[in-house]
N, C-alpha and C. Protein backbone atom coordinates (compact mmCIF):
# COMPACT_ATOMS: atom_id res chain seq x y z
N MET A 1 23.91 17.21 33.61
CA MET A 1 24.73 17.98 34.56
C MET A 1 24.12 19.04 34.13
N GLU A 2 23.65 19.93 35.44
CA GLU A 2 23.46 21.06 35.05
C GLU A 2 24.68 21.94 35.51
N THR A 3 25.47 22.91 34.59
CA THR A 3 26.11 24.24 34.03
C THR A 3 25.48 25.00 34.84
N PRO A 4 26.54 25.93 35.71
CA PRO A 4 26.78 27.12 36.12
C PRO A 4 26.81 28.63 34.46
N PRO A 5 25.62 29.01 34.25
CA PRO A 5 25.65 29.81 33.42
C PRO A 5 26.82 30.89 33.61
N GLY A 6 27.78 32.13 32.40
CA GLY A 6 28.53 32.43 32.32
C GLY A 6 29.15 32.54 31.09
N GLN A 7 30.31 33.33 30.96
CA GLN A 7 30.66 33.60 29.46
C GLN A 7 31.83 32.84 29.21
N PHE A 8 32.07 32.05 28.45
CA PHE A 8 33.07 30.94 28.01
C PHE A 8 34.72 31.18 28.14
N GLY A 9 35.25 30.45 29.03
CA GLY A 9 36.81 31.47 29.40
C GLY A 9 37.32 31.89 29.96
N GLU A 10 35.79 32.37 31.07
CA GLU A 10 35.46 32.53 32.83
C GLU A 10 35.90 31.78 34.16
N GLN A 11 35.30 31.08 33.36
CA GLN A 11 35.61 29.28 34.39
C GLN A 11 37.25 28.74 34.90
N GLU A 12 37.32 28.19 35.94
CA GLU A 12 38.67 28.00 35.83
C GLU A 12 39.09 26.93 34.66
N CYS A 13 37.44 26.38 34.06
CA CYS A 13 37.97 24.72 32.61
C CYS A 13 36.39 25.20 32.30
N ASP A 14 36.99 25.59 30.08
CA ASP A 14 35.52 25.17 30.06
C ASP A 14 34.84 24.25 29.90
N MET A 15 35.79 22.96 29.70
CA MET A 15 35.36 21.61 29.42
C MET A 15 35.99 20.50 29.98
N LEU A 16 35.45 19.67 31.23
CA LEU A 16 36.37 18.45 31.56
C LEU A 16 36.10 17.46 31.94
N PHE A 17 36.29 16.53 30.59
CA PHE A 17 36.13 14.80 30.49
C PHE A 17 37.13 13.82 30.88
N ASP A 18 35.97 13.18 30.86
CA ASP A 18 37.51 11.70 30.72
C ASP A 18 36.79 10.95 29.21
N MET A 19 38.53 9.90 29.05
CA MET A 19 37.79 9.80 27.56
C MET A 19 38.51 7.86 27.99
N ASP A 20 38.57 6.72 26.79
CA ASP A 20 39.14 6.10 27.04
C ASP A 20 40.46 5.80 26.07
N LEU A 21 41.12 4.34 25.82
CA LEU A 21 42.12 4.39 25.49
C LEU A 21 42.28 5.07 23.89
N MET A 22 41.06 5.01 23.31
CA MET A 22 40.66 5.11 22.14
C MET A 22 40.49 6.84 21.42
N GLY A 23 40.27 7.35 22.72
CA GLY A 23 40.32 8.33 22.80
C GLY A 23 38.62 8.82 22.73
N ARG A 24 37.74 8.08 22.74
CA ARG A 24 36.66 8.09 22.85
C ARG A 24 35.73 8.55 24.19
N ILE A 25 35.37 9.72 24.18
CA ILE A 25 34.27 10.31 25.37
C ILE A 25 33.83 9.54 25.89
N THR A 26 33.69 9.58 27.21
CA THR A 26 32.68 8.49 28.15
C THR A 26 32.16 9.23 29.06
N MET A 27 32.43 10.39 28.91
CA MET A 27 31.92 10.73 30.31
C MET A 27 32.42 12.83 29.86
N VAL A 28 31.50 13.22 30.13
CA VAL A 28 31.30 15.06 30.48
C VAL A 28 31.31 15.62 32.21
N ARG A 29 32.09 15.57 32.12
CA ARG A 29 31.80 16.58 33.84
C ARG A 29 31.68 17.66 33.95
N PHE A 30 31.66 18.38 33.16
CA PHE A 30 31.24 19.61 33.20
C PHE A 30 31.81 20.35 32.08
N PHE A 31 30.39 21.22 31.35
CA PHE A 31 30.62 21.81 29.98
C PHE A 31 30.35 23.04 30.50
N ASN A 32 30.83 23.96 30.07
CA ASN A 32 30.61 25.63 30.39
C ASN A 32 29.57 25.74 29.26
N ARG A 33 28.27 26.38 29.63
CA ARG A 33 27.26 26.39 28.86
C ARG A 33 27.12 27.40 27.78
N ALA A 34 27.51 28.58 28.37
CA ALA A 34 28.54 29.01 27.43
C ALA A 34 29.26 28.67 26.29
N LEU A 35 30.11 27.96 26.05
CA LEU A 35 31.14 27.75 25.82
C LEU A 35 30.02 26.48 24.76
N ALA A 36 29.02 25.87 24.78
CA ALA A 36 28.14 24.39 24.48
C ALA A 36 27.11 25.49 23.83
N GLU A 37 26.84 26.29 23.83
CA GLU A 37 25.93 27.00 23.12
C GLU A 37 27.13 27.71 21.61
N ARG A 38 27.92 28.01 22.17
CA ARG A 38 28.87 28.50 20.87
C ARG A 38 29.11 27.16 19.95
N LEU A 39 29.80 26.19 20.66
CA LEU A 39 30.31 25.50 20.10
C LEU A 39 29.53 24.50 19.20
N GLY A 40 28.41 24.69 19.96
CA GLY A 40 26.96 24.57 18.96
C GLY A 40 26.50 22.44 19.18
N TYR A 41 27.24 22.10 19.68
CA TYR A 41 27.06 20.89 20.81
C TYR A 41 26.61 20.67 22.40
N ARG A 42 25.84 20.01 22.44
CA ARG A 42 24.89 19.52 23.54
C ARG A 42 26.08 18.18 24.56
N GLU A 43 25.97 18.69 25.46
CA GLU A 43 27.21 17.63 26.61
C GLU A 43 26.81 15.83 26.15
N GLU A 44 25.35 15.82 25.48
CA GLU A 44 25.06 13.95 25.29
C GLU A 44 25.46 13.76 23.83
N GLU A 45 25.65 14.99 22.95
CA GLU A 45 26.22 14.68 22.11
C GLU A 45 27.46 14.26 21.78
N LEU A 46 28.78 14.79 22.71
CA LEU A 46 30.15 14.65 22.87
C LEU A 46 30.44 13.08 23.30
N ILE A 47 29.29 12.37 23.96
CA ILE A 47 29.66 10.89 24.57
C ILE A 47 30.06 10.00 23.23
N GLY A 48 30.55 9.66 23.88
CA GLY A 48 30.66 8.43 22.05
C GLY A 48 31.54 8.86 21.30
N GLN A 49 31.82 10.39 21.15
CA GLN A 49 32.64 11.06 20.23
C GLN A 49 33.71 10.81 20.33
N ASN A 50 34.93 10.27 19.29
CA ASN A 50 36.76 10.45 19.03
C ASN A 50 36.79 11.79 19.69
N VAL A 51 37.80 12.58 20.09
CA VAL A 51 38.44 13.38 20.55
C VAL A 51 38.79 13.71 19.55
N THR A 52 38.89 13.22 18.58
CA THR A 52 40.29 13.54 17.16
C THR A 52 39.13 14.12 15.94
N ASP A 53 38.09 13.68 15.73
CA ASP A 53 36.77 13.95 15.40
C ASP A 53 36.55 15.83 15.45
N PHE A 54 37.37 16.50 16.92
CA PHE A 54 37.16 17.89 16.79
C PHE A 54 38.28 18.58 16.48
N LEU A 55 39.34 17.95 16.42
CA LEU A 55 40.58 18.62 16.46
C LEU A 55 41.24 18.72 14.80
N VAL A 56 41.66 19.40 14.51
CA VAL A 56 41.98 20.05 12.61
C VAL A 56 42.85 19.77 12.53
N ASP A 57 44.08 19.30 13.44
CA ASP A 57 45.68 18.55 13.43
C ASP A 57 45.21 17.51 13.40
N ALA A 58 44.54 16.58 13.77
CA ALA A 58 44.27 14.94 14.17
C ALA A 58 44.09 14.91 12.52
N LYS A 59 43.38 15.34 12.24
CA LYS A 59 42.60 15.43 10.62
C LYS A 59 43.52 14.93 9.85
N SER A 60 44.98 15.02 9.62
CA SER A 60 46.00 14.21 8.60
C SER A 60 45.98 12.63 9.05
N VAL A 61 47.27 11.93 8.48
CA VAL A 61 47.18 10.32 9.00
C VAL A 61 48.30 10.81 10.24
N ALA A 62 49.17 11.68 9.89
CA ALA A 62 50.17 12.17 10.87
C ALA A 62 49.63 12.25 11.85
N GLY A 63 49.01 12.85 12.17
CA GLY A 63 48.08 13.99 13.75
C GLY A 63 47.50 12.71 13.72
N ALA A 64 46.56 11.82 13.39
CA ALA A 64 46.41 10.80 14.14
C ALA A 64 46.46 10.03 14.59
N GLU A 65 47.85 9.46 14.31
CA GLU A 65 48.85 8.43 14.87
C GLU A 65 48.89 9.16 15.72
N HIS A 66 50.06 10.84 15.54
CA HIS A 66 50.43 11.12 16.88
C HIS A 66 49.02 10.79 18.43
N PHE A 67 47.60 11.63 18.14
CA PHE A 67 46.81 10.98 18.66
C PHE A 67 46.53 9.75 19.71
N GLY A 68 46.71 9.22 18.68
CA GLY A 68 46.36 7.37 19.04
C GLY A 68 47.53 6.85 19.93
N SER A 69 48.58 7.36 19.40
CA SER A 69 49.76 6.83 19.91
C SER A 69 49.34 7.71 22.13
N LEU A 70 49.82 9.27 21.55
CA LEU A 70 49.02 9.56 23.09
C LEU A 70 48.46 8.96 23.82
N TYR A 71 47.17 8.94 23.40
CA TYR A 71 45.97 8.26 24.29
C TYR A 71 45.99 7.02 25.04
N ALA A 72 46.52 6.41 24.22
CA ALA A 72 47.51 5.15 24.63
C ALA A 72 48.69 5.25 25.95
N SER A 73 49.13 5.97 26.06
CA SER A 73 50.16 6.44 26.55
C SER A 73 50.21 7.33 28.05
N GLU A 74 50.91 6.64 28.81
CA GLU A 74 50.72 7.23 30.58
C GLU A 74 51.54 8.04 30.68
N SER A 75 51.57 9.30 29.58
CA SER A 75 52.00 10.08 30.63
C SER A 75 50.30 11.49 30.53
N ALA A 76 50.94 12.83 31.32
CA ALA A 76 49.95 13.83 30.85
C ALA A 76 50.67 14.66 29.30
N PHE A 77 49.71 15.20 29.48
CA PHE A 77 50.02 16.07 27.81
C PHE A 77 48.88 17.26 28.26
N ARG A 78 49.79 18.72 27.53
CA ARG A 78 49.77 19.83 27.42
C ARG A 78 50.51 20.13 26.31
N ALA A 79 48.74 21.08 25.81
CA ALA A 79 48.77 21.43 24.00
C ALA A 79 47.97 22.75 24.08
N LYS A 80 49.38 23.87 23.42
CA LYS A 80 48.90 25.55 24.09
C LYS A 80 47.04 25.76 23.44
N SER A 81 47.95 25.93 21.87
CA SER A 81 47.06 26.02 21.37
C SER A 81 46.86 24.97 19.95
N ARG A 82 45.23 23.97 21.04
CA ARG A 82 44.96 23.38 19.87
C ARG A 82 43.76 24.13 18.62
N ARG A 83 43.40 23.93 17.87
CA ARG A 83 42.58 24.51 17.37
C ARG A 83 40.79 23.46 17.24
N LEU A 84 40.02 23.71 18.14
CA LEU A 84 39.10 22.48 17.25
C LEU A 84 37.81 22.93 17.03
N THR A 85 37.05 22.73 16.17
CA THR A 85 36.13 22.24 15.24
C THR A 85 34.89 22.30 15.98
N MET A 86 33.97 23.65 15.86
CA MET A 86 32.46 23.84 16.64
C MET A 86 31.68 23.17 15.64
N LYS A 87 30.31 22.91 15.44
CA LYS A 87 29.43 22.49 14.48
C LYS A 87 29.16 22.69 13.52
N ASN A 88 29.59 23.97 13.29
CA ASN A 88 29.29 24.84 12.40
C ASN A 88 30.32 24.83 11.42
N GLY A 89 31.58 24.59 11.46
CA GLY A 89 32.82 24.09 10.66
C GLY A 89 33.23 24.91 11.12
N GLU A 90 33.50 26.38 12.16
CA GLU A 90 34.46 26.94 12.38
C GLU A 90 35.42 26.28 13.74
N THR A 91 36.77 27.23 13.49
CA THR A 91 37.51 26.72 14.81
C THR A 91 37.68 27.76 16.17
N LEU A 92 37.81 27.26 17.06
CA LEU A 92 38.00 27.78 18.29
C LEU A 92 39.45 27.30 18.84
N ILE A 93 40.32 27.87 19.78
CA ILE A 93 41.42 27.41 20.02
C ILE A 93 41.50 27.68 20.68
N ALA A 94 42.33 26.91 22.17
CA ALA A 94 41.88 26.31 23.38
C ALA A 94 43.00 25.45 23.65
N GLU A 95 43.42 25.74 25.10
CA GLU A 95 44.36 24.49 25.51
C GLU A 95 44.36 23.89 26.36
N SER A 96 44.55 22.84 26.01
CA SER A 96 44.20 21.12 26.52
C SER A 96 45.48 20.87 27.64
N TYR A 97 44.64 19.54 28.15
CA TYR A 97 45.52 19.04 28.89
C TYR A 97 44.90 17.50 29.73
N LEU A 98 45.34 16.81 29.73
CA LEU A 98 45.53 15.54 29.06
C LEU A 98 45.88 14.91 30.75
N MET A 99 45.12 14.28 31.89
CA MET A 99 45.72 13.33 32.58
C MET A 99 46.29 12.06 32.38
N PRO A 100 46.41 11.11 32.96
CA PRO A 100 45.89 9.61 32.63
C PRO A 100 45.27 9.61 33.68
N MET A 101 44.49 8.31 33.48
CA MET A 101 43.75 7.86 35.06
C MET A 101 43.60 6.38 34.65
N TYR A 102 43.41 5.64 35.77
CA TYR A 102 43.66 4.01 35.99
C TYR A 102 42.60 3.39 36.71
N ASP A 103 42.68 2.53 36.54
CA ASP A 103 42.01 1.55 37.44
C ASP A 103 41.85 1.08 38.65
N ALA A 104 41.54 0.14 39.94
CA ALA A 104 42.45 0.15 41.00
C ALA A 104 43.37 -0.79 41.40
N GLN A 105 43.50 -1.58 40.17
CA GLN A 105 44.54 -2.11 39.91
C GLN A 105 45.88 -1.68 38.75
N GLY A 106 45.59 -0.53 39.10
CA GLY A 106 46.68 0.13 38.81
C GLY A 106 46.74 0.49 37.15
N LYS A 107 45.96 0.10 36.67
CA LYS A 107 46.04 -0.29 34.98
C LYS A 107 45.63 0.92 33.76
N LEU A 108 46.60 1.75 33.04
CA LEU A 108 45.63 2.61 32.70
C LEU A 108 44.31 2.41 31.82
N ILE A 109 43.10 3.27 32.08
CA ILE A 109 41.86 3.29 31.49
C ILE A 109 41.71 4.16 30.52
N GLY A 110 42.65 5.18 30.55
CA GLY A 110 42.24 6.41 30.30
C GLY A 110 42.50 7.41 30.18
N HIS A 111 41.62 9.11 29.86
CA HIS A 111 42.78 9.68 30.28
C HIS A 111 41.76 10.92 31.11
N ARG A 112 41.45 12.04 31.70
CA ARG A 112 40.72 12.40 31.84
C ARG A 112 41.29 14.37 31.18
N GLY A 113 40.68 15.05 30.12
CA GLY A 113 41.04 16.20 29.55
C GLY A 113 40.49 17.19 30.14
N MET A 114 40.76 18.16 30.52
CA MET A 114 41.19 19.51 30.14
C MET A 114 41.07 20.36 29.69
N GLU A 115 40.32 21.63 28.76
CA GLU A 115 39.89 22.51 27.71
C GLU A 115 39.69 23.80 28.65
N PHE A 116 41.10 24.70 28.23
CA PHE A 116 40.84 26.38 28.37
C PHE A 116 40.65 27.23 26.90
N PHE A 117 39.20 27.50 26.36
CA PHE A 117 39.14 27.96 25.15
C PHE A 117 39.38 29.66 25.61
N THR A 118 40.25 30.07 24.47
CA THR A 118 40.98 31.69 24.46
C THR A 118 40.60 32.11 24.12
N GLU A 119 39.68 31.72 22.49
CA GLU A 119 39.05 33.14 22.85
C GLU A 119 37.32 32.97 22.77
């Protein structure tokens, strides 16, 4: 997927992706090129990765349990100040949204996530 050039944080969202009920990224729909360079990841490296691998707050047992139950829920979710780990180990702050996705029979199949990086 070709991403338009620009500074990260200037797009409507910096990253748009789909994930399954286990939190694994299944599709990257949009990834701001400037953000990708700063994070150090290419889109294809993200496919199959669990979102919690990038979340600093999910590294604890309590954090992992919280996010695991969140990914299996049918609720939309918003987090204002999530710390995400870049490939080099540094962190960035993001505002995140998750919306449930359903199949044609109305069964929950995962979530669509949007990330807005703030720094």
